[in-house]
Amino acid sequence: MTENEKNQTMQFSISKDKRTANEILLSVYSSMQEKGYDAVNQIVGYLLCGDPTYITSYNNARFLISMLERDELLEELVRFYMTNNQKKRDED
């Protein structure tokens, strides 16, 4: 092993569930609604403070949402919003 190789940082990766941020958000949203929660408000609460208790454990929703970083979830939400609103704007 060369001196340069000794100084490089090794990366370790645990494979996560292959579900996308979109799939996870939809699943969590559905679980929240099934339990009678205001899903949008609960997810916003989670995104703002990171407290997982905003998300129900029903259908493993809390575990699923914790598989992603909050910034990944926000990125997915903004991407979806911008993509869909750009399409509407282009149609007008």
N, C-alpha and C. Protein backbone atom coordinates (compact mmCIF):
# COMPACT_ATOMS: atom_id res chain seq x y z
N MET A 1 0.86 -1.18 0.00
CA MET A 1 0.00 0.00 0.00
C MET A 1 0.90 1.24 0.00
N THR A 2 0.59 2.15 -0.90
CA THR A 2 1.40 3.37 -1.00
C THR A 2 1.00 4.35 0.10
N GLU A 3 1.84 5.32 0.30
CA GLU A 3 1.57 6.35 1.32
C GLU A 3 0.28 7.10 0.99
N ASN A 4 0.04 7.37 -0.29
CA ASN A 4 -1.18 8.06 -0.72
C ASN A 4 -2.42 7.23 -0.38
N GLU A 5 -2.36 5.94 -0.61
CA GLU A 5 -3.49 5.06 -0.31
C GLU A 5 -3.77 5.00 1.19
N LYS A 6 -2.72 5.08 2.00
CA LYS A 6 -2.89 5.06 3.46
C LYS A 6 -3.63 6.30 3.95
N ASN A 7 -3.46 7.42 3.24
CA ASN A 7 -4.06 8.68 3.66
C ASN A 7 -5.48 8.89 3.14
N GLN A 8 -5.92 8.01 2.25
CA GLN A 8 -7.27 8.17 1.70
C GLN A 8 -8.30 7.61 2.68
N THR A 9 -9.43 8.26 2.71
CA THR A 9 -10.52 7.82 3.58
C THR A 9 -11.26 6.67 2.93
N MET A 10 -11.43 5.62 3.69
CA MET A 10 -12.20 4.47 3.21
C MET A 10 -13.68 4.79 3.38
N GLN A 11 -14.50 4.28 2.49
CA GLN A 11 -15.94 4.50 2.59
C GLN A 11 -16.61 3.18 2.92
N PHE A 12 -17.54 3.25 3.84
CA PHE A 12 -18.32 2.08 4.23
C PHE A 12 -19.77 2.38 3.93
N SER A 13 -20.43 1.45 3.34
CA SER A 13 -21.82 1.67 2.96
C SER A 13 -22.65 0.46 3.32
N ILE A 14 -23.74 0.71 4.01
CA ILE A 14 -24.71 -0.33 4.29
C ILE A 14 -25.84 -0.14 3.30
N SER A 15 -26.18 -1.19 2.60
CA SER A 15 -27.24 -1.04 1.60
C SER A 15 -28.56 -0.76 2.30
N LYS A 16 -29.22 0.25 1.82
CA LYS A 16 -30.53 0.63 2.36
C LYS A 16 -31.60 -0.03 1.53
N ASP A 17 -32.80 0.01 2.05
CA ASP A 17 -33.94 -0.43 1.28
C ASP A 17 -33.89 0.33 -0.04
N LYS A 18 -34.22 -0.30 -1.11
CA LYS A 18 -34.10 0.30 -2.43
C LYS A 18 -35.25 1.26 -2.76
N ARG A 19 -36.10 1.52 -1.81
CA ARG A 19 -37.21 2.42 -2.06
C ARG A 19 -36.71 3.84 -2.22
N THR A 20 -37.34 4.56 -3.12
CA THR A 20 -36.94 5.95 -3.37
C THR A 20 -37.60 6.87 -2.36
N ALA A 21 -37.11 8.10 -2.31
CA ALA A 21 -37.70 9.11 -1.42
C ALA A 21 -39.17 9.30 -1.76
N ASN A 22 -39.49 9.28 -3.03
CA ASN A 22 -40.88 9.44 -3.47
C ASN A 22 -41.74 8.32 -2.90
N GLU A 23 -41.30 7.09 -3.04
CA GLU A 23 -42.06 5.94 -2.54
C GLU A 23 -42.23 6.00 -1.03
N ILE A 24 -41.16 6.37 -0.35
CA ILE A 24 -41.23 6.46 1.11
C ILE A 24 -42.20 7.54 1.55
N LEU A 25 -42.12 8.71 0.94
CA LEU A 25 -43.05 9.79 1.30
C LEU A 25 -44.50 9.39 1.06
N LEU A 26 -44.77 8.75 -0.06
CA LEU A 26 -46.13 8.32 -0.35
C LEU A 26 -46.61 7.27 0.64
N SER A 27 -45.75 6.36 1.01
CA SER A 27 -46.10 5.31 1.97
C SER A 27 -46.36 5.91 3.35
N VAL A 28 -45.49 6.80 3.78
CA VAL A 28 -45.66 7.45 5.09
C VAL A 28 -46.94 8.28 5.10
N TYR A 29 -47.17 9.02 4.04
CA TYR A 29 -48.39 9.84 3.92
C TYR A 29 -49.63 8.97 4.04
N SER A 30 -49.63 7.86 3.34
CA SER A 30 -50.76 6.93 3.37
C SER A 30 -50.98 6.37 4.78
N SER A 31 -49.91 5.97 5.43
CA SER A 31 -50.01 5.43 6.79
C SER A 31 -50.54 6.47 7.76
N MET A 32 -50.09 7.72 7.61
CA MET A 32 -50.55 8.79 8.49
C MET A 32 -52.05 9.02 8.29
N GLN A 33 -52.50 9.02 7.05
CA GLN A 33 -53.92 9.22 6.77
C GLN A 33 -54.75 8.07 7.32
N GLU A 34 -54.28 6.85 7.13
CA GLU A 34 -55.01 5.69 7.64
C GLU A 34 -55.21 5.76 9.14
N LYS A 35 -54.25 6.32 9.85
CA LYS A 35 -54.37 6.44 11.30
C LYS A 35 -55.15 7.70 11.73
N GLY A 36 -55.56 8.50 10.75
CA GLY A 36 -56.39 9.66 11.06
C GLY A 36 -55.63 10.94 11.35
N TYR A 37 -54.34 10.96 11.07
CA TYR A 37 -53.54 12.16 11.30
C TYR A 37 -53.63 13.09 10.09
N ASP A 38 -53.37 14.36 10.32
CA ASP A 38 -53.20 15.32 9.23
C ASP A 38 -51.79 15.08 8.71
N ALA A 39 -51.69 14.27 7.68
CA ALA A 39 -50.39 13.79 7.19
C ALA A 39 -49.45 14.92 6.81
N VAL A 40 -49.96 15.93 6.14
CA VAL A 40 -49.10 17.04 5.72
C VAL A 40 -48.50 17.73 6.93
N ASN A 41 -49.33 18.07 7.91
CA ASN A 41 -48.82 18.75 9.10
C ASN A 41 -47.81 17.91 9.86
N GLN A 42 -48.07 16.63 9.97
CA GLN A 42 -47.16 15.75 10.70
C GLN A 42 -45.81 15.63 9.99
N ILE A 43 -45.84 15.49 8.68
CA ILE A 43 -44.59 15.38 7.92
C ILE A 43 -43.81 16.69 7.99
N VAL A 44 -44.52 17.82 7.90
CA VAL A 44 -43.86 19.12 8.04
C VAL A 44 -43.20 19.24 9.41
N GLY A 45 -43.90 18.82 10.45
CA GLY A 45 -43.32 18.84 11.80
C GLY A 45 -42.05 18.03 11.87
N TYR A 46 -42.08 16.86 11.27
CA TYR A 46 -40.88 16.01 11.24
C TYR A 46 -39.75 16.69 10.48
N LEU A 47 -40.05 17.25 9.33
CA LEU A 47 -39.01 17.89 8.52
C LEU A 47 -38.39 19.09 9.22
N LEU A 48 -39.20 19.84 9.96
CA LEU A 48 -38.69 21.03 10.63
C LEU A 48 -37.79 20.71 11.81
N CYS A 49 -38.17 19.73 12.61
CA CYS A 49 -37.39 19.50 13.83
C CYS A 49 -36.68 18.16 13.90
N GLY A 50 -37.04 17.22 13.04
CA GLY A 50 -36.36 15.93 13.03
C GLY A 50 -36.83 14.95 14.07
N ASP A 51 -37.86 15.30 14.81
CA ASP A 51 -38.38 14.42 15.86
C ASP A 51 -39.22 13.32 15.21
N PRO A 52 -38.77 12.07 15.28
CA PRO A 52 -39.49 10.98 14.62
C PRO A 52 -40.87 10.69 15.20
N THR A 53 -41.16 11.22 16.38
CA THR A 53 -42.47 10.95 16.97
C THR A 53 -43.61 11.67 16.23
N TYR A 54 -43.26 12.56 15.31
CA TYR A 54 -44.29 13.16 14.46
C TYR A 54 -44.86 12.15 13.47
N ILE A 55 -44.13 11.05 13.26
CA ILE A 55 -44.51 10.04 12.28
C ILE A 55 -44.98 8.79 13.02
N THR A 56 -46.11 8.26 12.60
CA THR A 56 -46.65 7.05 13.22
C THR A 56 -45.74 5.86 12.96
N SER A 57 -45.76 4.92 13.87
CA SER A 57 -45.00 3.68 13.66
C SER A 57 -45.84 2.67 12.88
N TYR A 58 -47.10 3.00 12.63
CA TYR A 58 -48.01 2.14 11.87
C TYR A 58 -47.42 1.85 10.49
N ASN A 59 -47.50 0.62 10.06
CA ASN A 59 -46.96 0.18 8.77
C ASN A 59 -45.47 0.48 8.61
N ASN A 60 -44.78 0.58 9.74
CA ASN A 60 -43.32 0.83 9.71
C ASN A 60 -42.95 2.19 9.13
N ALA A 61 -43.90 3.14 9.16
CA ALA A 61 -43.69 4.45 8.55
C ALA A 61 -42.52 5.20 9.19
N ARG A 62 -42.41 5.13 10.51
CA ARG A 62 -41.34 5.85 11.20
C ARG A 62 -39.97 5.32 10.78
N PHE A 63 -39.87 4.01 10.69
CA PHE A 63 -38.61 3.41 10.24
C PHE A 63 -38.29 3.83 8.81
N LEU A 64 -39.28 3.77 7.95
CA LEU A 64 -39.06 4.11 6.54
C LEU A 64 -38.56 5.54 6.38
N ILE A 65 -39.22 6.47 7.05
CA ILE A 65 -38.83 7.88 6.87
C ILE A 65 -37.45 8.14 7.46
N SER A 66 -37.08 7.37 8.48
CA SER A 66 -35.76 7.56 9.08
C SER A 66 -34.63 7.00 8.21
N MET A 67 -34.97 6.26 7.18
CA MET A 67 -33.96 5.72 6.27
C MET A 67 -33.35 6.81 5.39
N LEU A 68 -34.03 7.93 5.30
CA LEU A 68 -33.55 9.04 4.47
C LEU A 68 -33.23 10.23 5.35
N GLU A 69 -32.28 11.00 4.92
CA GLU A 69 -31.97 12.26 5.59
C GLU A 69 -33.09 13.25 5.27
N ARG A 70 -33.35 14.17 6.19
CA ARG A 70 -34.41 15.15 5.96
C ARG A 70 -34.13 15.99 4.72
N ASP A 71 -32.87 16.29 4.45
CA ASP A 71 -32.57 17.09 3.26
C ASP A 71 -32.90 16.31 1.99
N GLU A 72 -32.79 14.98 2.00
CA GLU A 72 -33.18 14.17 0.85
C GLU A 72 -34.69 14.26 0.63
N LEU A 73 -35.44 14.24 1.73
CA LEU A 73 -36.89 14.35 1.63
C LEU A 73 -37.30 15.73 1.11
N LEU A 74 -36.67 16.77 1.63
CA LEU A 74 -36.97 18.13 1.16
C LEU A 74 -36.61 18.28 -0.32
N GLU A 75 -35.49 17.72 -0.71
CA GLU A 75 -35.08 17.78 -2.11
C GLU A 75 -36.13 17.11 -3.01
N GLU A 76 -36.63 15.98 -2.59
CA GLU A 76 -37.66 15.28 -3.36
C GLU A 76 -38.93 16.12 -3.46
N LEU A 77 -39.33 16.73 -2.36
CA LEU A 77 -40.54 17.55 -2.36
C LEU A 77 -40.40 18.77 -3.27
N VAL A 78 -39.26 19.43 -3.20
CA VAL A 78 -39.04 20.61 -4.05
C VAL A 78 -38.97 20.20 -5.51
N ARG A 79 -38.26 19.10 -5.80
CA ARG A 79 -38.16 18.62 -7.18
C ARG A 79 -39.55 18.32 -7.75
N PHE A 80 -40.36 17.61 -6.98
CA PHE A 80 -41.70 17.27 -7.43
C PHE A 80 -42.54 18.52 -7.66
N TYR A 81 -42.49 19.45 -6.72
CA TYR A 81 -43.26 20.69 -6.83
C TYR A 81 -42.84 21.48 -8.07
N MET A 82 -41.54 21.64 -8.24
CA MET A 82 -41.05 22.44 -9.36
C MET A 82 -41.35 21.77 -10.70
N THR A 83 -41.17 20.48 -10.78
CA THR A 83 -41.43 19.76 -12.02
C THR A 83 -42.89 19.87 -12.41
N ASN A 84 -43.78 19.66 -11.46
CA ASN A 84 -45.20 19.70 -11.76
C ASN A 84 -45.71 21.11 -12.05
N ASN A 85 -45.17 22.09 -11.37
CA ASN A 85 -45.60 23.45 -11.63
C ASN A 85 -45.01 24.02 -12.91
N GLN A 86 -43.84 23.55 -13.28
CA GLN A 86 -43.24 23.99 -14.54
C GLN A 86 -44.07 23.45 -15.70
N LYS A 87 -44.53 22.21 -15.60
CA LYS A 87 -45.38 21.63 -16.64
C LYS A 87 -46.66 22.43 -16.81
N LYS A 88 -47.28 22.80 -15.69
CA LYS A 88 -48.51 23.59 -15.74
C LYS A 88 -48.25 24.95 -16.39
N ARG A 89 -47.14 25.55 -16.01
CA ARG A 89 -46.79 26.87 -16.54
C ARG A 89 -46.53 26.80 -18.04
N ASP A 90 -45.87 25.74 -18.48
CA ASP A 90 -45.58 25.57 -19.90
C ASP A 90 -46.85 25.34 -20.72
N GLU A 91 -47.84 24.74 -20.09
CA GLU A 91 -49.10 24.47 -20.79
C GLU A 91 -49.93 25.73 -20.98
N ASP A 92 -49.74 26.71 -20.11
CA ASP A 92 -50.53 27.96 -20.20
C ASP A 92 -50.09 28.88 -21.28
